[in-house]
Amino acid sequence: MSLVKNGPLNVLLIALKKGAELSEHRTRGPIAVHVLSGVIRFNADGQEVTLSSGCMLALDREVAHSVTALENSSVLLTTAIA
């Protein structure tokens, strides 16, 4: 669900059920991922990190990444695509 869409800025609320996957992809701009609830596994450029509620990470544009929900999770995704 898009919460804010204003020019290059887009803020999305994403709900993921346990086991859900977002396959590897790239974005045209930088992103910020903030886990609001649950736990996700975030893979980027061959590195894997587990993020739980309250954790946040930022990623530069064009970096291949994927996500797996280890629990039912809510994620706030902010993109800035010019």
PDB file of N, CA and C in Angstrom:
ATOM      1  N   MET A   1       0.833  -1.156   0.000  1.00  0.00           N
ATOM      2  CA  MET A   1       0.000   0.000   0.000  1.00  0.00           C
ATOM      3  C   MET A   1       0.889   1.234   0.000  1.00  0.00           C
ATOM      4  N   SER A   2       0.670   2.124  -0.945  1.00  0.00           N
ATOM      5  CA  SER A   2       1.446   3.361  -1.033  1.00  0.00           C
ATOM      6  C   SER A   2       0.913   4.367  -0.008  1.00  0.00           C
ATOM      7  N   LEU A   3       1.782   4.829   0.883  1.00  0.00           N
ATOM      8  CA  LEU A   3       1.398   5.809   1.903  1.00  0.00           C
ATOM      9  C   LEU A   3       1.680   7.225   1.445  1.00  0.00           C
ATOM     10  N   VAL A   4       2.796   7.403   0.724  1.00  0.00           N
ATOM     11  CA  VAL A   4       3.191   8.713   0.208  1.00  0.00           C
ATOM     12  C   VAL A   4       3.757   8.526  -1.187  1.00  0.00           C
ATOM     13  N   LYS A   5       3.303   9.334  -2.110  1.00  0.00           N
ATOM     14  CA  LYS A   5       3.890   9.344  -3.447  1.00  0.00           C
ATOM     15  C   LYS A   5       3.960  10.799  -3.863  1.00  0.00           C
ATOM     16  N   ASN A   6       5.190  11.321  -3.903  1.00  0.00           N
ATOM     17  CA  ASN A   6       5.388  12.737  -4.183  1.00  0.00           C
ATOM     18  C   ASN A   6       6.668  12.892  -4.991  1.00  0.00           C
ATOM     19  N   GLY A   7       6.529  13.085  -6.288  1.00  0.00           N
ATOM     20  CA  GLY A   7       7.711  13.182  -7.148  1.00  0.00           C
ATOM     21  C   GLY A   7       8.520  11.910  -7.060  1.00  0.00           C
ATOM     22  N   PRO A   8       9.814  12.025  -6.768  1.00  0.00           N
ATOM     23  CA  PRO A   8      10.672  10.835  -6.723  1.00  0.00           C
ATOM     24  C   PRO A   8      10.522  10.016  -5.439  1.00  0.00           C
ATOM     25  N   LEU A   9       9.811  10.561  -4.444  1.00  0.00           N
ATOM     26  CA  LEU A   9       9.670   9.894  -3.148  1.00  0.00           C
ATOM     27  C   LEU A   9       8.442   8.996  -3.129  1.00  0.00           C
ATOM     28  N   ASN A  10       8.635   7.751  -2.686  1.00  0.00           N
ATOM     29  CA  ASN A  10       7.531   6.809  -2.552  1.00  0.00           C
ATOM     30  C   ASN A  10       7.732   6.036  -1.247  1.00  0.00           C
ATOM     31  N   VAL A  11       6.712   6.034  -0.392  1.00  0.00           N
ATOM     32  CA  VAL A  11       6.757   5.300   0.865  1.00  0.00           C
ATOM     33  C   VAL A  11       5.667   4.233   0.808  1.00  0.00           C
ATOM     34  N   LEU A  12       6.087   2.978   0.938  1.00  0.00           N
ATOM     35  CA  LEU A  12       5.171   1.841   0.836  1.00  0.00           C
ATOM     36  C   LEU A  12       5.125   1.075   2.145  1.00  0.00           C
ATOM     37  N   LEU A  13       3.940   0.606   2.511  1.00  0.00           N
ATOM     38  CA  LEU A  13       3.779  -0.311   3.624  1.00  0.00           C
ATOM     39  C   LEU A  13       3.556  -1.689   3.023  1.00  0.00           C
ATOM     40  N   ILE A  14       4.433  -2.630   3.361  1.00  0.00           N
ATOM     41  CA  ILE A  14       4.371  -3.975   2.783  1.00  0.00           C
ATOM     42  C   ILE A  14       4.131  -4.981   3.904  1.00  0.00           C
ATOM     43  N   ALA A  15       3.090  -5.809   3.751  1.00  0.00           N
ATOM     44  CA  ALA A  15       2.811  -6.892   4.697  1.00  0.00           C
ATOM     45  C   ALA A  15       3.247  -8.200   4.049  1.00  0.00           C
ATOM     46  N   LEU A  16       4.056  -8.962   4.756  1.00  0.00           N
ATOM     47  CA  LEU A  16       4.570 -10.238   4.256  1.00  0.00           C
ATOM     48  C   LEU A  16       4.189 -11.357   5.216  1.00  0.00           C
ATOM     49  N   LYS A  17       3.589 -12.409   4.691  1.00  0.00           N
ATOM     50  CA  LYS A  17       3.302 -13.583   5.513  1.00  0.00           C
ATOM     51  C   LYS A  17       4.573 -14.394   5.673  1.00  0.00           C
ATOM     52  N   LYS A  18       4.661 -15.129   6.769  1.00  0.00           N
ATOM     53  CA  LYS A  18       5.822 -15.985   7.010  1.00  0.00           C
ATOM     54  C   LYS A  18       6.076 -16.856   5.783  1.00  0.00           C
ATOM     55  N   GLY A  19       7.326 -16.867   5.311  1.00  0.00           N
ATOM     56  CA  GLY A  19       7.711 -17.660   4.154  1.00  0.00           C
ATOM     57  C   GLY A  19       7.606 -16.920   2.822  1.00  0.00           C
ATOM     58  N   ALA A  20       6.965 -15.761   2.819  1.00  0.00           N
ATOM     59  CA  ALA A  20       6.845 -14.984   1.577  1.00  0.00           C
ATOM     60  C   ALA A  20       8.223 -14.499   1.129  1.00  0.00           C
ATOM     61  N   GLU A  21       8.414 -14.453  -0.188  1.00  0.00           N
ATOM     62  CA  GLU A  21       9.695 -14.019  -0.740  1.00  0.00           C
ATOM     63  C   GLU A  21       9.487 -12.955  -1.799  1.00  0.00           C
ATOM     64  N   LEU A  22      10.371 -11.987  -1.800  1.00  0.00           N
ATOM     65  CA  LEU A  22      10.475 -11.031  -2.899  1.00  0.00           C
ATOM     66  C   LEU A  22      11.753 -11.421  -3.619  1.00  0.00           C
ATOM     67  N   SER A  23      11.617 -11.960  -4.810  1.00  0.00           N
ATOM     68  CA  SER A  23      12.785 -12.471  -5.530  1.00  0.00           C
ATOM     69  C   SER A  23      13.767 -11.345  -5.856  1.00  0.00           C
ATOM     70  N   GLU A  24      14.969 -11.747  -6.192  1.00  0.00           N
ATOM     71  CA  GLU A  24      16.036 -10.775  -6.443  1.00  0.00           C
ATOM     72  C   GLU A  24      15.621  -9.759  -7.510  1.00  0.00           C
ATOM     73  N   HIS A  25      15.882  -8.506  -7.204  1.00  0.00           N
ATOM     74  CA  HIS A  25      15.563  -7.410  -8.114  1.00  0.00           C
ATOM     75  C   HIS A  25      16.489  -6.234  -7.803  1.00  0.00           C
ATOM     76  N   ARG A  26      16.403  -5.203  -8.618  1.00  0.00           N
ATOM     77  CA  ARG A  26      17.192  -3.978  -8.442  1.00  0.00           C
ATOM     78  C   ARG A  26      16.239  -2.788  -8.501  1.00  0.00           C
ATOM     79  N   THR A  27      16.638  -1.671  -7.910  1.00  0.00           N
ATOM     80  CA  THR A  27      15.846  -0.448  -7.990  1.00  0.00           C
ATOM     81  C   THR A  27      16.653   0.642  -8.671  1.00  0.00           C
ATOM     82  N   ARG A  28      15.942   1.556  -9.295  1.00  0.00           N
ATOM     83  CA  ARG A  28      16.610   2.643 -10.023  1.00  0.00           C
ATOM     84  C   ARG A  28      17.122   3.735  -9.099  1.00  0.00           C
ATOM     85  N   GLY A  29      16.725   3.705  -7.849  1.00  0.00           N
ATOM     86  CA  GLY A  29      17.167   4.707  -6.886  1.00  0.00           C
ATOM     87  C   GLY A  29      17.466   4.055  -5.547  1.00  0.00           C
ATOM     88  N   PRO A  30      18.009   4.825  -4.612  1.00  0.00           N
ATOM     89  CA  PRO A  30      18.303   4.291  -3.284  1.00  0.00           C
ATOM     90  C   PRO A  30      17.014   3.943  -2.543  1.00  0.00           C
ATOM     91  N   ILE A  31      17.126   3.013  -1.592  1.00  0.00           N
ATOM     92  CA  ILE A  31      15.979   2.618  -0.789  1.00  0.00           C
ATOM     93  C   ILE A  31      16.357   2.596   0.686  1.00  0.00           C
ATOM     94  N   ALA A  32      15.325   2.691   1.538  1.00  0.00           N
ATOM     95  CA  ALA A  32      15.470   2.465   2.977  1.00  0.00           C
ATOM     96  C   ALA A  32      14.391   1.462   3.367  1.00  0.00           C
ATOM     97  N   VAL A  33      14.777   0.459   4.153  1.00  0.00           N
ATOM     98  CA  VAL A  33      13.872  -0.592   4.604  1.00  0.00           C
ATOM     99  C   VAL A  33      13.814  -0.522   6.124  1.00  0.00           C
ATOM    100  N   HIS A  34      12.598  -0.373   6.667  1.00  0.00           N
ATOM    101  CA  HIS A  34      12.404  -0.297   8.113  1.00  0.00           C
ATOM    102  C   HIS A  34      11.398  -1.374   8.508  1.00  0.00           C
ATOM    103  N   VAL A  35      11.836  -2.326   9.321  1.00  0.00           N
ATOM    104  CA  VAL A  35      10.955  -3.409   9.761  1.00  0.00           C
ATOM    105  C   VAL A  35      10.120  -2.899  10.933  1.00  0.00           C
ATOM    106  N   LEU A  36       8.798  -2.865  10.726  1.00  0.00           N
ATOM    107  CA  LEU A  36       7.895  -2.392  11.770  1.00  0.00           C
ATOM    108  C   LEU A  36       7.501  -3.513  12.726  1.00  0.00           C
ATOM    109  N   SER A  37       7.352  -4.728  12.183  1.00  0.00           N
ATOM    110  CA  SER A  37       7.040  -5.890  13.019  1.00  0.00           C
ATOM    111  C   SER A  37       7.528  -7.142  12.305  1.00  0.00           C
ATOM    112  N   GLY A  38       7.794  -8.180  13.085  1.00  0.00           N
ATOM    113  CA  GLY A  38       8.249  -9.433  12.511  1.00  0.00           C
ATOM    114  C   GLY A  38       9.753  -9.484  12.292  1.00  0.00           C
ATOM    115  N   VAL A  39      10.162 -10.436  11.441  1.00  0.00           N
ATOM    116  CA  VAL A  39      11.584 -10.652  11.140  1.00  0.00           C
ATOM    117  C   VAL A  39      11.705 -11.005   9.665  1.00  0.00           C
ATOM    118  N   ILE A  40      12.668 -10.362   8.982  1.00  0.00           N
ATOM    119  CA  ILE A  40      12.937 -10.670   7.577  1.00  0.00           C
ATOM    120  C   ILE A  40      14.410 -11.000   7.394  1.00  0.00           C
ATOM    121  N   ARG A  41      14.689 -11.736   6.317  1.00  0.00           N
ATOM    122  CA  ARG A  41      16.068 -11.977   5.883  1.00  0.00           C
ATOM    123  C   ARG A  41      16.253 -11.144   4.629  1.00  0.00           C
ATOM    124  N   PHE A  42      17.266 -10.278   4.634  1.00  0.00           N
ATOM    125  CA  PHE A  42      17.537  -9.388   3.515  1.00  0.00           C
ATOM    126  C   PHE A  42      18.867  -9.784   2.906  1.00  0.00           C
ATOM    127  N   ASN A  43      18.862 -10.119   1.621  1.00  0.00           N
ATOM    128  CA  ASN A  43      20.082 -10.491   0.908  1.00  0.00           C
ATOM    129  C   ASN A  43      20.420  -9.393  -0.090  1.00  0.00           C
ATOM    130  N   ALA A  44      21.656  -8.940  -0.060  1.00  0.00           N
ATOM    131  CA  ALA A  44      22.099  -7.911  -1.006  1.00  0.00           C
ATOM    132  C   ALA A  44      23.554  -8.148  -1.364  1.00  0.00           C
ATOM    133  N   ASP A  45      23.809  -8.229  -2.648  1.00  0.00           N
ATOM    134  CA  ASP A  45      25.181  -8.378  -3.132  1.00  0.00           C
ATOM    135  C   ASP A  45      25.928  -9.527  -2.452  1.00  0.00           C
ATOM    136  N   GLY A  46      25.234 -10.649  -2.252  1.00  0.00           N
ATOM    137  CA  GLY A  46      25.869 -11.816  -1.669  1.00  0.00           C
ATOM    138  C   GLY A  46      25.980 -11.795  -0.161  1.00  0.00           C
ATOM    139  N   GLN A  47      25.497 -10.741   0.485  1.00  0.00           N
ATOM    140  CA  GLN A  47      25.528 -10.668   1.944  1.00  0.00           C
ATOM    141  C   GLN A  47      24.111 -10.810   2.477  1.00  0.00           C
ATOM    142  N   GLU A  48      23.990 -11.487   3.609  1.00  0.00           N
ATOM    143  CA  GLU A  48      22.684 -11.749   4.203  1.00  0.00           C
ATOM    144  C   GLU A  48      22.636 -11.145   5.592  1.00  0.00           C
ATOM    145  N   VAL A  49      21.507 -10.484   5.900  1.00  0.00           N
ATOM    146  CA  VAL A  49      21.319  -9.918   7.231  1.00  0.00           C
ATOM    147  C   VAL A  49      19.883 -10.208   7.663  1.00  0.00           C
ATOM    148  N   THR A  50      19.727 -10.490   8.963  1.00  0.00           N
ATOM    149  CA  THR A  50      18.396 -10.692   9.528  1.00  0.00           C
ATOM    150  C   THR A  50      17.998  -9.414  10.238  1.00  0.00           C
ATOM    151  N   LEU A  51      16.819  -8.917   9.887  1.00  0.00           N
ATOM    152  CA  LEU A  51      16.313  -7.671  10.462  1.00  0.00           C
ATOM    153  C   LEU A  51      15.035  -7.957  11.234  1.00  0.00           C
ATOM    154  N   SER A  52      14.957  -7.464  12.471  1.00  0.00           N
ATOM    155  CA  SER A  52      13.753  -7.647  13.278  1.00  0.00           C
ATOM    156  C   SER A  52      13.107  -6.295  13.523  1.00  0.00           C
ATOM    157  N   SER A  53      11.993  -6.315  14.200  1.00  0.00           N
ATOM    158  CA  SER A  53      11.225  -5.108  14.470  1.00  0.00           C
ATOM    159  C   SER A  53      12.117  -3.980  14.987  1.00  0.00           C
ATOM    160  N   GLY A  54      12.012  -2.815  14.348  1.00  0.00           N
ATOM    161  CA  GLY A  54      12.801  -1.646  14.737  1.00  0.00           C
ATOM    162  C   GLY A  54      14.089  -1.478  13.951  1.00  0.00           C
ATOM    163  N   CYS A  55      14.531  -2.510  13.249  1.00  0.00           N
ATOM    164  CA  CYS A  55      15.768  -2.427  12.469  1.00  0.00           C
ATOM    165  C   CYS A  55      15.527  -1.720  11.138  1.00  0.00           C
ATOM    166  N   MET A  56      16.567  -1.067  10.667  1.00  0.00           N
ATOM    167  CA  MET A  56      16.486  -0.328   9.415  1.00  0.00           C
ATOM    168  C   MET A  56      17.795  -0.481   8.660  1.00  0.00           C
ATOM    169  N   LEU A  57      17.694  -0.485   7.322  1.00  0.00           N
ATOM    170  CA  LEU A  57      18.907  -0.474   6.501  1.00  0.00           C
ATOM    171  C   LEU A  57      18.657   0.373   5.260  1.00  0.00           C
ATOM    172  N   ALA A  58      19.733   0.831   4.678  1.00  0.00           N
ATOM    173  CA  ALA A  58      19.667   1.613   3.444  1.00  0.00           C
ATOM    174  C   ALA A  58      20.496   0.907   2.388  1.00  0.00           C
ATOM    175  N   LEU A  59      20.083   1.060   1.139  1.00  0.00           N
ATOM    176  CA  LEU A  59      20.757   0.388   0.033  1.00  0.00           C
ATOM    177  C   LEU A  59      20.830   1.341  -1.144  1.00  0.00           C
ATOM    178  N   ASP A  60      21.966   1.377  -1.785  1.00  0.00           N
ATOM    179  CA  ASP A  60      22.153   2.242  -2.947  1.00  0.00           C
ATOM    180  C   ASP A  60      21.387   1.690  -4.144  1.00  0.00           C
ATOM    181  N   ARG A  61      21.256   2.480  -5.152  1.00  0.00           N
ATOM    182  CA  ARG A  61      20.530   2.085  -6.360  1.00  0.00           C
ATOM    183  C   ARG A  61      21.278   0.986  -7.104  1.00  0.00           C
ATOM    184  N   GLU A  62      20.523   0.200  -7.856  1.00  0.00           N
ATOM    185  CA  GLU A  62      21.051  -0.848  -8.734  1.00  0.00           C
ATOM    186  C   GLU A  62      21.791  -1.981  -8.017  1.00  0.00           C
ATOM    187  N   VAL A  63      21.557  -2.144  -6.719  1.00  0.00           N
ATOM    188  CA  VAL A  63      22.147  -3.272  -5.989  1.00  0.00           C
ATOM    189  C   VAL A  63      21.115  -4.406  -5.961  1.00  0.00           C
ATOM    190  N   ALA A  64      21.499  -5.567  -6.454  1.00  0.00           N
ATOM    191  CA  ALA A  64      20.590  -6.721  -6.467  1.00  0.00           C
ATOM    192  C   ALA A  64      20.282  -7.131  -5.028  1.00  0.00           C
ATOM    193  N   HIS A  65      18.990  -7.340  -4.742  1.00  0.00           N
ATOM    194  CA  HIS A  65      18.595  -7.728  -3.395  1.00  0.00           C
ATOM    195  C   HIS A  65      17.304  -8.543  -3.425  1.00  0.00           C
ATOM    196  N   SER A  66      17.086  -9.299  -2.342  1.00  0.00           N
ATOM    197  CA  SER A  66      15.873 -10.100  -2.182  1.00  0.00           C
ATOM    198  C   SER A  66      15.497 -10.106  -0.708  1.00  0.00           C
ATOM    199  N   VAL A  67      14.248 -10.504  -0.437  1.00  0.00           N
ATOM    200  CA  VAL A  67      13.727 -10.501   0.932  1.00  0.00           C
ATOM    201  C   VAL A  67      12.942 -11.787   1.172  1.00  0.00           C
ATOM    202  N   THR A  68      13.107 -12.355   2.366  1.00  0.00           N
ATOM    203  CA  THR A  68      12.304 -13.488   2.803  1.00  0.00           C
ATOM    204  C   THR A  68      11.760 -13.168   4.190  1.00  0.00           C
ATOM    205  N   ALA A  69      10.452 -13.366   4.382  1.00  0.00           N
ATOM    206  CA  ALA A  69       9.839 -13.147   5.690  1.00  0.00           C
ATOM    207  C   ALA A  69      10.022 -14.399   6.545  1.00  0.00           C
ATOM    208  N   LEU A  70      10.708 -14.257   7.664  1.00  0.00           N
ATOM    209  CA  LEU A  70      10.911 -15.375   8.581  1.00  0.00           C
ATOM    210  C   LEU A  70       9.741 -15.504   9.556  1.00  0.00           C
ATOM    211  N   GLU A  71       8.967 -14.426   9.687  1.00  0.00           N
ATOM    212  CA  GLU A  71       7.739 -14.367  10.478  1.00  0.00           C
ATOM    213  C   GLU A  71       6.768 -13.486   9.702  1.00  0.00           C
ATOM    214  N   ASN A  72       5.497 -13.469  10.090  1.00  0.00           N
ATOM    215  CA  ASN A  72       4.597 -12.462   9.537  1.00  0.00           C
ATOM    216  C   ASN A  72       5.226 -11.109   9.849  1.00  0.00           C
ATOM    217  N   SER A  73       5.370 -10.260   8.835  1.00  0.00           N
ATOM    218  CA  SER A  73       6.136  -9.023   8.995  1.00  0.00           C
ATOM    219  C   SER A  73       5.471  -7.850   8.293  1.00  0.00           C
ATOM    220  N   SER A  74       5.714  -6.655   8.841  1.00  0.00           N
ATOM    221  CA  SER A  74       5.315  -5.397   8.212  1.00  0.00           C
ATOM    222  C   SER A  74       6.578  -4.589   7.988  1.00  0.00           C
ATOM    223  N   VAL A  75       6.731  -4.082   6.772  1.00  0.00           N
ATOM    224  CA  VAL A  75       7.947  -3.367   6.388  1.00  0.00           C
ATOM    225  C   VAL A  75       7.575  -2.038   5.747  1.00  0.00           C
ATOM    226  N   LEU A  76       8.250  -0.986   6.153  1.00  0.00           N
ATOM    227  CA  LEU A  76       8.097   0.315   5.526  1.00  0.00           C
ATOM    228  C   LEU A  76       9.247   0.473   4.530  1.00  0.00           C
ATOM    229  N   LEU A  77       8.925   0.636   3.270  1.00  0.00           N
ATOM    230  CA  LEU A  77       9.922   0.763   2.208  1.00  0.00           C
ATOM    231  C   LEU A  77       9.859   2.172   1.643  1.00  0.00           C
ATOM    232  N   THR A  78      10.982   2.876   1.688  1.00  0.00           N
ATOM    233  CA  THR A  78      11.058   4.224   1.129  1.00  0.00           C
ATOM    234  C   THR A  78      11.998   4.184  -0.069  1.00  0.00           C
ATOM    235  N   THR A  79      11.499   4.673  -1.203  1.00  0.00           N
ATOM    236  CA  THR A  79      12.320   4.736  -2.422  1.00  0.00           C
ATOM    237  C   THR A  79      12.415   6.178  -2.875  1.00  0.00           C
ATOM    238  N   ALA A  80      13.513   6.499  -3.486  1.00  0.00           N
ATOM    239  CA  ALA A  80      13.727   7.835  -4.050  1.00  0.00           C
ATOM    240  C   ALA A  80      14.257   7.654  -5.464  1.00  0.00           C
ATOM    241  N   ILE A  81      13.335   7.635  -6.418  1.00  0.00           N
ATOM    242  CA  ILE A  81      13.714   7.394  -7.808  1.00  0.00           C
ATOM    243  C   ILE A  81      13.492   8.665  -8.619  1.00  0.00           C
ATOM    244  N   ALA A  82      14.583   9.239  -9.060  1.00  0.00           N
ATOM    245  CA  ALA A  82      14.495  10.491  -9.814  1.00  0.00           C
ATOM    246  C   ALA A  82      14.174  10.243 -11.274  1.00  0.00           C
TER     247      ALA A  82
END
